């Protein structure tokens, strides 16, 4: 196998690994994309509206690898720091996002709740969902 083919295969593999997860919403939602900063603010409950539309974040359960990847890639924090953040917010009357126990639950929530935004593995994407960001 030539070195060019090996290099292309390695680059393709790196790209596929880099976009293993996606941030999603329903096709009914008018939002077309979100920046990492907007997503972070939404999931830290610092931002509640995009273009005048109420946004409802939905998290994977804390035991899922999906959640860990999201926290590291998008929130840029670890579980310990995030727990301290939510303890402080609790005393300000702010609760963390809703949690769903499975990828199917996240998809169902996003499909059925107007303004919901969640994240799933790319392999779970179907035509009822819109990709807002890849990570």
Protein backbone atom coordinates (compact mmCIF):
# COMPACT_ATOMS: atom_id res chain seq x y z
CA UNK A 1 0.00 0.00 0.00
CA UNK A 2 1.40 3.39 -0.90
CA UNK A 3 2.23 5.98 1.72
CA UNK A 4 -0.38 8.38 0.25
CA UNK A 5 -3.17 5.85 0.74
CA UNK A 6 -2.05 5.10 4.29
CA UNK A 7 -1.91 8.82 5.06
CA UNK A 8 -5.40 9.36 3.62
CA UNK A 9 -6.79 6.44 5.62
CA UNK A 10 -5.24 7.81 8.81
CA UNK A 11 -6.67 11.28 8.13
CA UNK A 12 -10.11 9.82 7.42
CA UNK A 13 -9.95 7.83 10.65
CA UNK A 14 -8.95 10.91 12.65
CA UNK A 15 -11.83 12.90 11.10
CA UNK A 16 -14.35 10.18 11.88
CA UNK A 17 -13.13 9.94 15.47
CA UNK A 18 -13.25 13.72 15.86
CA UNK A 19 -16.92 13.91 14.89
CA UNK A 20 -18.11 10.91 16.82
CA UNK A 21 -20.84 12.89 18.60
CA UNK A 22 -23.34 15.51 17.52
CA UNK A 23 -25.47 18.19 19.17
CA UNK A 24 -29.03 17.86 17.89
CA UNK A 25 -32.44 19.45 17.82
CA UNK A 26 -35.71 18.65 16.10
CA UNK A 27 -36.20 19.60 12.46
CA UNK A 28 -39.08 21.78 13.71
CA UNK A 29 -36.60 24.01 15.54
CA UNK A 30 -35.56 27.11 13.55
CA UNK A 31 -31.98 27.08 14.87
CA UNK A 32 -29.59 25.88 12.18
CA UNK A 33 -26.22 25.85 13.98
CA UNK A 34 -24.74 26.59 17.37
CA UNK A 35 -21.19 27.53 18.30
CA UNK A 36 -19.34 25.65 21.05
CA UNK A 37 -19.68 28.77 23.25
CA UNK A 38 -23.46 28.90 22.73
CA UNK A 39 -23.76 25.18 23.52
CA UNK A 40 -21.64 25.56 26.64
CA UNK A 41 -23.75 28.51 27.83
CA UNK A 42 -26.97 26.58 27.16
CA UNK A 43 -25.85 23.51 29.11
CA UNK A 44 -24.48 25.59 31.99
CA UNK A 45 -27.87 27.35 32.11
CA UNK A 46 -26.32 30.74 31.31
CA UNK A 47 -28.32 31.11 28.09
CA UNK A 48 -32.01 30.24 27.76
CA UNK A 49 -32.97 31.71 24.38
CA UNK A 50 -31.57 31.67 20.83
CA UNK A 51 -33.17 34.08 18.35
CA UNK A 52 -36.06 34.61 20.79
CA UNK A 53 -36.72 30.85 21.02
CA UNK A 54 -36.67 29.10 24.42
CA UNK A 55 -33.99 26.40 24.52
CA UNK A 56 -34.22 23.33 26.76
CA UNK A 57 -30.97 21.40 27.18
CA UNK A 58 -31.07 17.67 27.83
CA UNK A 59 -28.05 15.78 29.18
CA UNK A 60 -27.07 12.14 28.96
CA UNK A 61 -26.81 10.38 32.33
CA UNK A 62 -23.56 10.97 34.20
CA UNK A 63 -22.54 7.31 33.84
CA UNK A 64 -22.47 7.41 30.03
CA UNK A 65 -19.23 7.85 28.04
CA UNK A 66 -21.26 10.19 25.84
CA UNK A 67 -21.69 12.61 28.76
CA UNK A 68 -18.00 12.48 29.63
CA UNK A 69 -17.05 13.25 26.02
CA UNK A 70 -19.52 16.17 25.97
CA UNK A 71 -18.22 17.63 29.23
CA UNK A 72 -14.60 17.39 28.11
CA UNK A 73 -15.11 18.56 24.51
CA UNK A 74 -17.81 21.22 24.90
CA UNK A 75 -17.92 22.25 28.55
CA UNK A 76 -14.11 21.98 28.88
CA UNK A 77 -14.33 20.71 32.44
CA UNK A 78 -14.26 17.54 34.49
CA UNK A 79 -16.92 16.02 36.71
CA UNK A 80 -15.51 17.39 39.97
CA UNK A 81 -15.45 21.00 38.75
CA UNK A 82 -18.88 20.61 37.21
CA UNK A 83 -20.32 19.29 40.48
CA UNK A 84 -18.89 22.30 42.34
CA UNK A 85 -20.40 24.59 39.68
CA UNK A 86 -23.88 23.06 40.13
CA UNK A 87 -23.67 23.25 43.94
CA UNK A 88 -23.03 27.01 43.64
CA UNK A 89 -25.85 27.39 41.11
CA UNK A 90 -28.24 25.43 43.34
CA UNK A 91 -27.93 28.14 45.98
CA UNK A 92 -28.79 30.71 43.30
CA UNK A 93 -31.94 28.78 42.43
CA UNK A 94 -30.56 27.39 39.16
CA UNK A 95 -30.92 23.68 38.38
CA UNK A 96 -28.84 21.66 35.91
CA UNK A 97 -30.31 20.46 32.62
CA UNK A 98 -32.79 17.60 32.44
CA UNK A 99 -31.13 14.18 32.28
CA UNK A 100 -32.25 11.28 30.10
CA UNK A 101 -31.04 7.76 30.82
CA UNK A 102 -30.33 6.61 27.25
CA UNK A 103 -29.56 7.86 23.77
CA UNK A 104 -33.04 6.80 22.65
CA UNK A 105 -34.55 8.82 25.50
CA UNK A 106 -32.54 11.88 24.47
CA UNK A 107 -33.72 11.49 20.87
CA UNK A 108 -37.36 11.09 21.94
CA UNK A 109 -37.15 14.13 24.23
CA UNK A 110 -35.58 16.28 21.50
CA UNK A 111 -38.14 15.14 18.91
CA UNK A 112 -41.12 15.81 21.18
CA UNK A 113 -40.18 18.86 23.25
CA UNK A 114 -40.17 22.16 21.39
CA UNK A 115 -36.80 23.90 21.75
CA UNK A 116 -34.98 20.86 23.15
CA UNK A 117 -31.28 20.47 22.39
CA UNK A 118 -29.32 17.32 23.20
CA UNK A 119 -26.34 15.29 22.08
CA UNK A 120 -25.98 11.74 20.81
CA UNK A 121 -23.49 9.54 18.98
CA UNK A 122 -23.45 10.29 15.25
CA UNK A 123 -24.55 6.69 14.60
CA UNK A 124 -27.94 7.45 16.23
CA UNK A 125 -28.83 10.29 13.84
CA UNK A 126 -32.07 9.90 11.89
CA UNK A 127 -34.04 12.16 9.54
CA UNK A 128 -36.21 13.64 12.31
CA UNK A 129 -33.19 15.35 13.86
CA UNK A 130 -31.06 18.31 12.82
CA UNK A 131 -27.32 18.49 13.54
CA UNK A 132 -26.33 21.76 15.20
CA UNK A 133 -22.70 20.91 15.95
CA UNK A 134 -20.26 18.02 15.66
CA UNK A 135 -17.61 17.06 18.20
